[in-house]
Amino acid sequence: YPALQRSGDATLARLGQQFQDDMGPIAQAFDGFARRWNTAERLRSDPQ
């Protein structure tokens, strides 16, 4: 993303910023998922 911001291509820089911004909630959701389900005991206690 920093390379895209420095690229001199305004369209590409905006696209990179959009993709970076859009990833925030996805990354946060994944982090929560990984924290919730990182043990066999938790998985066995609530498979559904």
All heavy atoms as atom14 arrays in JSON, in Angstrom:
{
  "sequence": "YPALQRSGDATLARLGQQFQDDMGPIAQAFDGFARRWNTAERLRSDPQ",
  "atom14_mask": [
    [1, 1, 1, 1, 1, 1, 1, 1, 1, 1, 1, 1, 0, 0],
    [1, 1, 1, 1, 1, 1, 1, 0, 0, 0, 0, 0, 0, 0],
    [1, 1, 1, 1, 1, 0, 0, 0, 0, 0, 0, 0, 0, 0],
    [1, 1, 1, 1, 1, 1, 1, 1, 0, 0, 0, 0, 0, 0],
    [1, 1, 1, 1, 1, 1, 1, 1, 1, 0, 0, 0, 0, 0],
    [1, 1, 1, 1, 1, 1, 1, 1, 1, 1, 1, 0, 0, 0],
    [1, 1, 1, 1, 1, 1, 0, 0, 0, 0, 0, 0, 0, 0],
    [1, 1, 1, 1, 0, 0, 0, 0, 0, 0, 0, 0, 0, 0],
    [1, 1, 1, 1, 1, 1, 1, 1, 0, 0, 0, 0, 0, 0],
    [1, 1, 1, 1, 1, 0, 0, 0, 0, 0, 0, 0, 0, 0],
    [1, 1, 1, 1, 1, 1, 1, 0, 0, 0, 0, 0, 0, 0],
    [1, 1, 1, 1, 1, 1, 1, 1, 0, 0, 0, 0, 0, 0],
    [1, 1, 1, 1, 1, 0, 0, 0, 0, 0, 0, 0, 0, 0],
    [1, 1, 1, 1, 1, 1, 1, 1, 1, 1, 1, 0, 0, 0],
    [1, 1, 1, 1, 1, 1, 1, 1, 0, 0, 0, 0, 0, 0],
    [1, 1, 1, 1, 0, 0, 0, 0, 0, 0, 0, 0, 0, 0],
    [1, 1, 1, 1, 1, 1, 1, 1, 1, 0, 0, 0, 0, 0],
    [1, 1, 1, 1, 1, 1, 1, 1, 1, 0, 0, 0, 0, 0],
    [1, 1, 1, 1, 1, 1, 1, 1, 1, 1, 1, 0, 0, 0],
    [1, 1, 1, 1, 1, 1, 1, 1, 1, 0, 0, 0, 0, 0],
    [1, 1, 1, 1, 1, 1, 1, 1, 0, 0, 0, 0, 0, 0],
    [1, 1, 1, 1, 1, 1, 1, 1, 0, 0, 0, 0, 0, 0],
    [1, 1, 1, 1, 1, 1, 1, 1, 0, 0, 0, 0, 0, 0],
    [1, 1, 1, 1, 0, 0, 0, 0, 0, 0, 0, 0, 0, 0],
    [1, 1, 1, 1, 1, 1, 1, 0, 0, 0, 0, 0, 0, 0],
    [1, 1, 1, 1, 1, 1, 1, 1, 0, 0, 0, 0, 0, 0],
    [1, 1, 1, 1, 1, 0, 0, 0, 0, 0, 0, 0, 0, 0],
    [1, 1, 1, 1, 1, 1, 1, 1, 1, 0, 0, 0, 0, 0],
    [1, 1, 1, 1, 1, 0, 0, 0, 0, 0, 0, 0, 0, 0],
    [1, 1, 1, 1, 1, 1, 1, 1, 1, 1, 1, 0, 0, 0],
    [1, 1, 1, 1, 1, 1, 1, 1, 0, 0, 0, 0, 0, 0],
    [1, 1, 1, 1, 0, 0, 0, 0, 0, 0, 0, 0, 0, 0],
    [1, 1, 1, 1, 1, 1, 1, 1, 1, 1, 1, 0, 0, 0],
    [1, 1, 1, 1, 1, 0, 0, 0, 0, 0, 0, 0, 0, 0],
    [1, 1, 1, 1, 1, 1, 1, 1, 1, 1, 1, 0, 0, 0],
    [1, 1, 1, 1, 1, 1, 1, 1, 1, 1, 1, 0, 0, 0],
    [1, 1, 1, 1, 1, 1, 1, 1, 1, 1, 1, 1, 1, 1],
    [1, 1, 1, 1, 1, 1, 1, 1, 0, 0, 0, 0, 0, 0],
    [1, 1, 1, 1, 1, 1, 1, 0, 0, 0, 0, 0, 0, 0],
    [1, 1, 1, 1, 1, 0, 0, 0, 0, 0, 0, 0, 0, 0],
    [1, 1, 1, 1, 1, 1, 1, 1, 1, 0, 0, 0, 0, 0],
    [1, 1, 1, 1, 1, 1, 1, 1, 1, 1, 1, 0, 0, 0],
    [1, 1, 1, 1, 1, 1, 1, 1, 0, 0, 0, 0, 0, 0],
    [1, 1, 1, 1, 1, 1, 1, 1, 1, 1, 1, 0, 0, 0],
    [1, 1, 1, 1, 1, 1, 0, 0, 0, 0, 0, 0, 0, 0],
    [1, 1, 1, 1, 1, 1, 1, 1, 0, 0, 0, 0, 0, 0],
    [1, 1, 1, 1, 1, 1, 1, 0, 0, 0, 0, 0, 0, 0],
    [1, 1, 1, 1, 1, 1, 1, 1, 1, 0, 0, 0, 0, 0]
  ],
  "atom14_positions": [
    [[0.81, -1.22, 0.0], [0.0, 0.0, 0.0], [0.85, 1.28, 0.0], [0.54, 2.2, -0.76], [-1.0, -0.01, 1.15], [-2.01, -1.14, 1.04], [-2.18, -2.05, 2.07], [-2.78, -1.31, -0.11], [-3.1, -3.09, 1.96], [-3.69, -2.35, -0.23], [-3.86, -3.23, 0.81], [-4.76, -4.26, 0.71], [0.0, 0.0, 0.0], [0.0, 0.0, 0.0]],
    [[1.92, 1.34, 0.79], [2.77, 2.55, 0.7], [3.39, 2.73, -0.69], [3.5, 3.86, -1.18], [3.84, 2.31, 1.77], [3.19, 1.41, 2.76], [2.3, 0.5, 1.93], [0.0, 0.0, 0.0], [0.0, 0.0, 0.0], [0.0, 0.0, 0.0], [0.0, 0.0, 0.0], [0.0, 0.0, 0.0], [0.0, 0.0, 0.0], [0.0, 0.0, 0.0]],
    [[3.77, 1.63, -1.33], [4.34, 1.74, -2.68], [3.31, 2.28, -3.66], [3.65, 3.08, -4.54], [4.86, 0.37, -3.15], [0.0, 0.0, 0.0], [0.0, 0.0, 0.0], [0.0, 0.0, 0.0], [0.0, 0.0, 0.0], [0.0, 0.0, 0.0], [0.0, 0.0, 0.0], [0.0, 0.0, 0.0], [0.0, 0.0, 0.0], [0.0, 0.0, 0.0]],
    [[2.09, 1.88, -3.51], [1.03, 2.4, -4.38], [0.8, 3.88, -4.13], [0.55, 4.64, -5.08], [-0.26, 1.6, -4.19], [-0.19, 0.12, -4.58], [-1.5, -0.58, -4.26], [0.18, -0.04, -6.04], [0.0, 0.0, 0.0], [0.0, 0.0, 0.0], [0.0, 0.0, 0.0], [0.0, 0.0, 0.0], [0.0, 0.0, 0.0], [0.0, 0.0, 0.0]],
    [[0.89, 4.29, -2.88], [0.72, 5.71, -2.56], [1.85, 6.54, -3.17], [1.63, 7.68, -3.58], [0.65, 5.94, -1.05], [-0.58, 5.33, -0.39], [-1.89, 5.85, -0.95], [-2.06, 7.04, -1.17], [-2.81, 4.93, -1.23], [0.0, 0.0, 0.0], [0.0, 0.0, 0.0], [0.0, 0.0, 0.0], [0.0, 0.0, 0.0], [0.0, 0.0, 0.0]],
    [[3.03, 5.97, -3.26], [4.19, 6.68, -3.82], [4.31, 6.52, -5.33], [5.22, 7.09, -5.94], [5.48, 6.16, -3.18], [5.64, 6.45, -1.71], [7.03, 6.04, -1.22], [7.38, 4.66, -1.54], [7.18, 3.61, -0.75], [6.62, 3.77, 0.42], [7.55, 2.4, -1.12], [0.0, 0.0, 0.0], [0.0, 0.0, 0.0], [0.0, 0.0, 0.0]],
    [[3.43, 5.76, -5.94], [3.58, 5.39, -7.34], [3.43, 6.54, -8.32], [3.86, 6.45, -9.47], [2.58, 4.29, -7.7], [1.26, 4.83, -7.75], [0.0, 0.0, 0.0], [0.0, 0.0, 0.0], [0.0, 0.0, 0.0], [0.0, 0.0, 0.0], [0.0, 0.0, 0.0], [0.0, 0.0, 0.0], [0.0, 0.0, 0.0], [0.0, 0.0, 0.0]],
    [[2.76, 7.6, -7.92], [2.5, 8.69, -8.84], [1.25, 8.46, -9.69], [0.87, 9.31, -10.48], [0.0, 0.0, 0.0], [0.0, 0.0, 0.0], [0.0, 0.0, 0.0], [0.0, 0.0, 0.0], [0.0, 0.0, 0.0], [0.0, 0.0, 0.0], [0.0, 0.0, 0.0], [0.0, 0.0, 0.0], [0.0, 0.0, 0.0], [0.0, 0.0, 0.0]],
    [[0.61, 7.32, -9.51], [-0.62, 6.99, -10.22], [-1.77, 7.2, -9.24], [-2.02, 6.36, -8.37], [-0.56, 5.54, -10.71], [-1.77, 5.11, -11.52], [-2.88, 5.63, -11.28], [-1.59, 4.23, -12.39], [0.0, 0.0, 0.0], [0.0, 0.0, 0.0], [0.0, 0.0, 0.0], [0.0, 0.0, 0.0], [0.0, 0.0, 0.0], [0.0, 0.0, 0.0]],
    [[-2.48, 8.32, -9.39], [-3.53, 8.68, -8.44], [-4.65, 7.65, -8.4], [-5.18, 7.34, -7.33], [-4.09, 10.06, -8.77], [0.0, 0.0, 0.0], [0.0, 0.0, 0.0], [0.0, 0.0, 0.0], [0.0, 0.0, 0.0], [0.0, 0.0, 0.0], [0.0, 0.0, 0.0], [0.0, 0.0, 0.0], [0.0, 0.0, 0.0], [0.0, 0.0, 0.0]],
    [[-5.0, 7.1, -9.55], [-6.07, 6.09, -9.6], [-5.65, 4.84, -8.84], [-6.42, 4.29, -8.05], [-6.41, 5.74, -11.06], [-6.8, 6.94, -11.73], [-7.52, 4.72, -11.14], [0.0, 0.0, 0.0], [0.0, 0.0, 0.0], [0.0, 0.0, 0.0], [0.0, 0.0, 0.0], [0.0, 0.0, 0.0], [0.0, 0.0, 0.0], [0.0, 0.0, 0.0]],
    [[-4.43, 4.41, -9.06], [-3.92, 3.23, -8.37], [-3.78, 3.49, -6.87], [-4.09, 2.62, -6.05], [-2.58, 2.82, -8.97], [-2.06, 1.43, -8.65], [-3.07, 0.36, -9.02], [-0.75, 1.19, -9.37], [0.0, 0.0, 0.0], [0.0, 0.0, 0.0], [0.0, 0.0, 0.0], [0.0, 0.0, 0.0], [0.0, 0.0, 0.0], [0.0, 0.0, 0.0]],
    [[-3.35, 4.68, -6.51], [-3.23, 5.03, -5.09], [-4.6, 4.99, -4.41], [-4.73, 4.46, -3.3], [-2.6, 6.41, -4.94], [0.0, 0.0, 0.0], [0.0, 0.0, 0.0], [0.0, 0.0, 0.0], [0.0, 0.0, 0.0], [0.0, 0.0, 0.0], [0.0, 0.0, 0.0], [0.0, 0.0, 0.0], [0.0, 0.0, 0.0], [0.0, 0.0, 0.0]],
    [[-5.63, 5.52, -5.08], [-6.99, 5.48, -4.52], [-7.5, 4.05, -4.41], [-8.12, 3.68, -3.41], [-7.96, 6.3, -5.38], [-7.95, 7.78, -5.09], [-9.12, 8.5, -5.74], [-9.19, 8.31, -7.18], [-8.5, 9.02, -8.08], [-7.69, 9.99, -7.68], [-8.63, 8.77, -9.37], [0.0, 0.0, 0.0], [0.0, 0.0, 0.0], [0.0, 0.0, 0.0]],
    [[-7.24, 3.26, -5.43], [-7.67, 1.86, -5.41], [-6.99, 1.13, -4.25], [-7.63, 0.37, -3.52], [-7.35, 1.18, -6.74], [-7.84, -0.25, -6.91], [-9.36, -0.34, -6.82], [-7.35, -0.81, -8.24], [0.0, 0.0, 0.0], [0.0, 0.0, 0.0], [0.0, 0.0, 0.0], [0.0, 0.0, 0.0], [0.0, 0.0, 0.0], [0.0, 0.0, 0.0]],
    [[-5.69, 1.36, -4.09], [-4.97, 0.74, -2.98], [-5.54, 1.16, -1.64], [-5.72, 0.33, -0.74], [0.0, 0.0, 0.0], [0.0, 0.0, 0.0], [0.0, 0.0, 0.0], [0.0, 0.0, 0.0], [0.0, 0.0, 0.0], [0.0, 0.0, 0.0], [0.0, 0.0, 0.0], [0.0, 0.0, 0.0], [0.0, 0.0, 0.0], [0.0, 0.0, 0.0]],
    [[-5.87, 2.43, -1.48], [-6.45, 2.92, -0.23], [-7.8, 2.28, 0.02], [-8.11, 1.89, 1.14], [-6.58, 4.44, -0.26], [-7.01, 5.03, 1.07], [-5.99, 4.79, 2.16], [-4.82, 5.13, 2.01], [-6.41, 4.19, 3.27], [0.0, 0.0, 0.0], [0.0, 0.0, 0.0], [0.0, 0.0, 0.0], [0.0, 0.0, 0.0], [0.0, 0.0, 0.0]],
    [[-8.59, 2.14, -1.04], [-9.9, 1.51, -0.9], [-9.76, 0.05, -0.47], [-10.46, -0.4, 0.44], [-10.66, 1.59, -2.23], [-12.01, 0.92, -2.19], [-12.68, 0.9, -3.57], [-12.19, 1.48, -4.53], [-13.78, 0.2, -3.65], [0.0, 0.0, 0.0], [0.0, 0.0, 0.0], [0.0, 0.0, 0.0], [0.0, 0.0, 0.0], [0.0, 0.0, 0.0]],
    [[-8.85, -0.67, -1.11], [-8.66, -2.07, -0.74], [-8.13, -2.18, 0.69], [-8.54, -3.07, 1.44], [-7.72, -2.77, -1.73], [-8.44, -3.44, -2.86], [-8.83, -2.71, -3.97], [-8.75, -4.78, -2.81], [-9.51, -3.32, -5.02], [-9.44, -5.41, -3.85], [-9.82, -4.67, -4.95], [0.0, 0.0, 0.0], [0.0, 0.0, 0.0], [0.0, 0.0, 0.0]],
    [[-7.25, -1.29, 1.08], [-6.72, -1.32, 2.44], [-7.83, -1.03, 3.45], [-7.96, -1.74, 4.46], [-5.58, -0.31, 2.6], [-4.89, -0.4, 3.94], [-3.69, 0.52, 4.03], [-3.59, 1.53, 3.32], [-2.76, 0.19, 4.9], [0.0, 0.0, 0.0], [0.0, 0.0, 0.0], [0.0, 0.0, 0.0], [0.0, 0.0, 0.0], [0.0, 0.0, 0.0]],
    [[-8.64, -0.02, 3.18], [-9.74, 0.32, 4.08], [-10.76, -0.81, 4.17], [-11.25, -1.12, 5.26], [-10.44, 1.6, 3.62], [-9.56, 2.84, 3.74], [-8.52, 2.79, 4.44], [-9.92, 3.86, 3.12], [0.0, 0.0, 0.0], [0.0, 0.0, 0.0], [0.0, 0.0, 0.0], [0.0, 0.0, 0.0], [0.0, 0.0, 0.0], [0.0, 0.0, 0.0]],
    [[-11.08, -1.42, 3.03], [-12.06, -2.51, 3.0], [-11.58, -3.73, 3.77], [-12.39, -4.52, 4.26], [-12.37, -2.91, 1.56], [-13.15, -1.87, 0.79], [-13.67, -0.91, 1.4], [-13.22, -1.99, -0.45], [0.0, 0.0, 0.0], [0.0, 0.0, 0.0], [0.0, 0.0, 0.0], [0.0, 0.0, 0.0], [0.0, 0.0, 0.0], [0.0, 0.0, 0.0]],
    [[-10.27, -3.91, 3.85], [-9.73, -5.1, 4.5], [-9.85, -5.04, 6.01], [-9.91, -6.08, 6.68], [-8.25, -5.29, 4.09], [-7.67, -6.62, 4.51], [-8.55, -7.99, 3.74], [-8.26, -9.28, 4.93], [0.0, 0.0, 0.0], [0.0, 0.0, 0.0], [0.0, 0.0, 0.0], [0.0, 0.0, 0.0], [0.0, 0.0, 0.0], [0.0, 0.0, 0.0]],
    [[-9.9, -3.84, 6.58], [-9.94, -3.7, 8.04], [-10.99, -4.56, 8.72], [-10.68, -5.38, 9.6], [0.0, 0.0, 0.0], [0.0, 0.0, 0.0], [0.0, 0.0, 0.0], [0.0, 0.0, 0.0], [0.0, 0.0, 0.0], [0.0, 0.0, 0.0], [0.0, 0.0, 0.0], [0.0, 0.0, 0.0], [0.0, 0.0, 0.0], [0.0, 0.0, 0.0]],
    [[-12.27, -4.42, 8.34], [-13.3, -5.23, 9.0], [-13.15, -6.73, 8.73], [-13.47, -7.54, 9.6], [-14.61, -4.71, 8.39], [-14.29, -3.37, 7.81], [-12.83, -3.41, 7.45], [0.0, 0.0, 0.0], [0.0, 0.0, 0.0], [0.0, 0.0, 0.0], [0.0, 0.0, 0.0], [0.0, 0.0, 0.0], [0.0, 0.0, 0.0], [0.0, 0.0, 0.0]],
    [[-12.66, -7.08, 7.57], [-12.46, -8.5, 7.25], [-11.35, -9.07, 8.14], [-11.49, -10.15, 8.7], [-12.14, -8.69, 5.75], [-13.32, -8.21, 4.9], [-11.8, -10.15, 5.45], [-13.01, -8.09, 3.41], [0.0, 0.0, 0.0], [0.0, 0.0, 0.0], [0.0, 0.0, 0.0], [0.0, 0.0, 0.0], [0.0, 0.0, 0.0], [0.0, 0.0, 0.0]],
    [[-10.26, -8.33, 8.26], [-9.15, -8.77, 9.11], [-9.59, -8.87, 10.56], [-9.22, -9.82, 11.27], [-7.97, -7.82, 8.97], [0.0, 0.0, 0.0], [0.0, 0.0, 0.0], [0.0, 0.0, 0.0], [0.0, 0.0, 0.0], [0.0, 0.0, 0.0], [0.0, 0.0, 0.0], [0.0, 0.0, 0.0], [0.0, 0.0, 0.0], [0.0, 0.0, 0.0]],
    [[-10.37, -7.92, 11.0], [-10.85, -7.94, 12.39], [-11.75, -9.14, 12.63], [-11.64, -9.82, 13.66], [-11.6, -6.63, 12.68], [-11.97, -6.45, 14.12], [-12.58, -5.08, 14.37], [-13.06, -4.41, 13.46], [-12.55, -4.66, 15.61], [0.0, 0.0, 0.0], [0.0, 0.0, 0.0], [0.0, 0.0, 0.0], [0.0, 0.0, 0.0], [0.0, 0.0, 0.0]],
    [[-12.64, -9.43, 11.68], [-13.52, -10.6, 11.81], [-12.7, -11.89, 11.82], [-12.97, -12.8, 12.61], [-14.54, -10.62, 10.67], [0.0, 0.0, 0.0], [0.0, 0.0, 0.0], [0.0, 0.0, 0.0], [0.0, 0.0, 0.0], [0.0, 0.0, 0.0], [0.0, 0.0, 0.0], [0.0, 0.0, 0.0], [0.0, 0.0, 0.0], [0.0, 0.0, 0.0]],
    [[-11.69, -11.96, 10.96], [-10.85, -13.16, 10.94], [-10.09, -13.32, 12.24], [-9.97, -14.44, 12.77], [-9.88, -13.16, 9.75], [-9.05, -14.41, 9.74], [-9.56, -15.58, 9.23], [-7.78, -14.41, 10.29], [-8.81, -16.76, 9.27], [-7.02, -15.58, 10.34], [-7.54, -16.75, 9.82], [0.0, 0.0, 0.0], [0.0, 0.0, 0.0], [0.0, 0.0, 0.0]],
    [[-9.55, -12.23, 12.77], [-8.81, -12.3, 14.03], [-9.71, -12.83, 15.15], [-9.29, -13.7, 15.92], [-8.25, -10.93, 14.39], [-7.34, -10.98, 15.6], [-6.37, -11.77, 15.6], [-7.62, -10.24, 16.57], [0.0, 0.0, 0.0], [0.0, 0.0, 0.0], [0.0, 0.0, 0.0], [0.0, 0.0, 0.0], [0.0, 0.0, 0.0], [0.0, 0.0, 0.0]],
    [[-10.93, -12.34, 15.22], [-11.87, -12.84, 16.22], [-12.17, -14.32, 16.02], [-12.22, -15.1, 16.99], [0.0, 0.0, 0.0], [0.0, 0.0, 0.0], [0.0, 0.0, 0.0], [0.0, 0.0, 0.0], [0.0, 0.0, 0.0], [0.0, 0.0, 0.0], [0.0, 0.0, 0.0], [0.0, 0.0, 0.0], [0.0, 0.0, 0.0], [0.0, 0.0, 0.0]],
    [[-12.36, -14.71, 14.77], [-12.61, -16.11, 14.44], [-11.44, -16.98, 14.91], [-11.64, -18.01, 15.57], [-12.79, -16.24, 12.92], [-12.75, -17.64, 12.4], [-13.87, -18.45, 12.45], [-11.58, -18.15, 11.83], [-13.84, -19.74, 11.97], [-11.54, -19.44, 11.35], [-12.67, -20.25, 11.42], [0.0, 0.0, 0.0], [0.0, 0.0, 0.0], [0.0, 0.0, 0.0]],
    [[-10.22, -16.56, 14.59], [-9.04, -17.34, 14.96], [-8.88, -17.44, 16.48], [-8.48, -18.49, 17.0], [-7.79, -16.73, 14.33], [0.0, 0.0, 0.0], [0.0, 0.0, 0.0], [0.0, 0.0, 0.0], [0.0, 0.0, 0.0], [0.0, 0.0, 0.0], [0.0, 0.0, 0.0], [0.0, 0.0, 0.0], [0.0, 0.0, 0.0], [0.0, 0.0, 0.0]],
    [[-9.21, -16.37, 17.17], [-9.12, -16.41, 18.64], [-10.2, -17.3, 19.26], [-9.96, -17.95, 20.27], [-9.24, -15.0, 19.21], [-8.04, -14.14, 18.93], [-8.29, -12.71, 19.41], [-7.26, -11.82, 18.95], [-6.15, -11.54, 19.62], [-5.93, -12.1, 20.8], [-5.25, -10.71, 19.12], [0.0, 0.0, 0.0], [0.0, 0.0, 0.0], [0.0, 0.0, 0.0]],
    [[-11.37, -17.32, 18.65], [-12.48, -18.14, 19.19], [-12.25, -19.63, 18.98], [-12.67, -20.44, 19.8], [-13.8, -17.76, 18.52], [-14.51, -16.59, 19.13], [-15.9, -16.4, 18.56], [-15.94, -16.13, 17.13], [-15.67, -14.94, 16.58], [-15.32, -13.91, 17.33], [-15.74, -14.79, 15.27], [0.0, 0.0, 0.0], [0.0, 0.0, 0.0], [0.0, 0.0, 0.0]],
    [[-11.62, -20.0, 17.88], [-11.61, -21.4, 17.48], [-10.22, -22.0, 17.4], [-9.96, -22.89, 16.6], [-12.33, -21.55, 16.13], [-13.71, -21.0, 16.16], [-14.16, -19.88, 15.53], [-14.82, -21.52, 16.89], [-15.49, -19.68, 15.81], [-15.92, -20.68, 16.64], [-15.0, -22.63, 17.72], [-17.17, -20.9, 17.2], [-16.25, -22.84, 18.28], [-17.32, -21.99, 18.02]],
    [[-9.3, -21.57, 18.24], [-7.92, -22.04, 18.15], [-7.59, -23.18, 19.1], [-6.43, -23.54, 19.27], [-6.93, -20.89, 18.34], [-7.04, -20.25, 19.7], [-7.79, -20.69, 20.56], [-6.28, -19.18, 19.9], [0.0, 0.0, 0.0], [0.0, 0.0, 0.0], [0.0, 0.0, 0.0], [0.0, 0.0, 0.0], [0.0, 0.0, 0.0], [0.0, 0.0, 0.0]],
    [[-8.62, -23.77, 19.72], [-8.38, -24.94, 20.56], [-9.38, -26.04, 20.21], [-10.53, -25.76, 19.86], [-8.5, -24.64, 22.07], [-9.86, -24.35, 22.39], [-7.58, -23.49, 22.49], [0.0, 0.0, 0.0], [0.0, 0.0, 0.0], [0.0, 0.0, 0.0], [0.0, 0.0, 0.0], [0.0, 0.0, 0.0], [0.0, 0.0, 0.0], [0.0, 0.0, 0.0]],
    [[-8.93, -27.27, 20.33], [-9.81, -28.42, 20.05], [-11.0, -28.43, 21.0], [-12.12, -28.78, 20.59], [-9.01, -29.71, 20.15], [0.0, 0.0, 0.0], [0.0, 0.0, 0.0], [0.0, 0.0, 0.0], [0.0, 0.0, 0.0], [0.0, 0.0, 0.0], [0.0, 0.0, 0.0], [0.0, 0.0, 0.0], [0.0, 0.0, 0.0], [0.0, 0.0, 0.0]],
    [[-10.79, -28.03, 22.25], [-11.88, -28.04, 23.23], [-13.02, -27.12, 22.81], [-14.19, -27.48, 22.9], [-11.37, -27.64, 24.62], [-10.37, -28.6, 25.22], [-8.96, -28.46, 24.63], [-8.59, -27.36, 24.14], [-8.24, -29.47, 24.61], [0.0, 0.0, 0.0], [0.0, 0.0, 0.0], [0.0, 0.0, 0.0], [0.0, 0.0, 0.0], [0.0, 0.0, 0.0]],
    [[-12.67, -25.92, 22.35], [-13.71, -24.98, 21.91], [-14.46, -25.52, 20.7], [-15.67, -25.38, 20.59], [-13.09, -23.62, 21.58], [-12.64, -22.87, 22.8], [-12.12, -21.5, 22.42], [-11.41, -20.93, 23.54], [-10.41, -20.07, 23.42], [-10.01, -19.66, 22.24], [-9.81, -19.6, 24.5], [0.0, 0.0, 0.0], [0.0, 0.0, 0.0], [0.0, 0.0, 0.0]],
    [[-13.72, -26.11, 19.79], [-14.35, -26.68, 18.6], [-15.31, -27.81, 18.97], [-16.43, -27.87, 18.45], [-13.28, -27.19, 17.62], [-12.45, -26.09, 16.95], [-11.14, -26.66, 16.43], [-13.25, -25.44, 15.84], [0.0, 0.0, 0.0], [0.0, 0.0, 0.0], [0.0, 0.0, 0.0], [0.0, 0.0, 0.0], [0.0, 0.0, 0.0], [0.0, 0.0, 0.0]],
    [[-14.87, -28.69, 19.86], [-15.71, -29.82, 20.26], [-16.94, -29.36, 21.04], [-17.99, -29.99, 20.99], [-14.91, -30.81, 21.1], [-13.96, -31.65, 20.3], [-13.34, -32.77, 21.13], [-12.23, -33.33, 20.42], [-10.94, -33.08, 20.69], [-10.6, -32.29, 21.7], [-9.99, -33.63, 19.98], [0.0, 0.0, 0.0], [0.0, 0.0, 0.0], [0.0, 0.0, 0.0]],
    [[-16.8, -28.25, 21.78], [-17.92, -27.79, 22.6], [-19.01, -27.1, 21.78], [-20.15, -27.01, 22.23], [-17.44, -26.85, 23.72], [-17.03, -25.61, 23.18], [0.0, 0.0, 0.0], [0.0, 0.0, 0.0], [0.0, 0.0, 0.0], [0.0, 0.0, 0.0], [0.0, 0.0, 0.0], [0.0, 0.0, 0.0], [0.0, 0.0, 0.0], [0.0, 0.0, 0.0]],
    [[-18.68, -26.64, 20.59], [-19.68, -25.95, 19.77], [-19.38, -26.13, 18.28], [-19.07, -25.17, 17.57], [-19.71, -24.46, 20.13], [-20.86, -23.7, 19.47], [-21.73, -24.35, 18.83], [-20.88, -22.47, 19.56], [0.0, 0.0, 0.0], [0.0, 0.0, 0.0], [0.0, 0.0, 0.0], [0.0, 0.0, 0.0], [0.0, 0.0, 0.0], [0.0, 0.0, 0.0]],
    [[-19.49, -27.36, 17.79], [-19.15, -27.59, 16.38], [-20.03, -26.82, 15.4], [-19.55, -26.32, 14.39], [-19.31, -29.1, 16.21], [-20.07, -29.58, 17.39], [-19.87, -28.59, 18.48], [0.0, 0.0, 0.0], [0.0, 0.0, 0.0], [0.0, 0.0, 0.0], [0.0, 0.0, 0.0], [0.0, 0.0, 0.0], [0.0, 0.0, 0.0], [0.0, 0.0, 0.0]],
    [[-21.32, -26.66, 15.73], [-22.19, -25.92, 14.82], [-21.87, -24.43, 14.85], [-21.91, -23.76, 13.82], [-23.67, -26.15, 15.15], [-24.6, -25.6, 14.08], [-24.31, -26.19, 12.7], [-24.2, -27.4, 12.53], [-24.17, -25.34, 11.69], [0.0, 0.0, 0.0], [0.0, 0.0, 0.0], [0.0, 0.0, 0.0], [0.0, 0.0, 0.0], [0.0, 0.0, 0.0]]
  ]
}
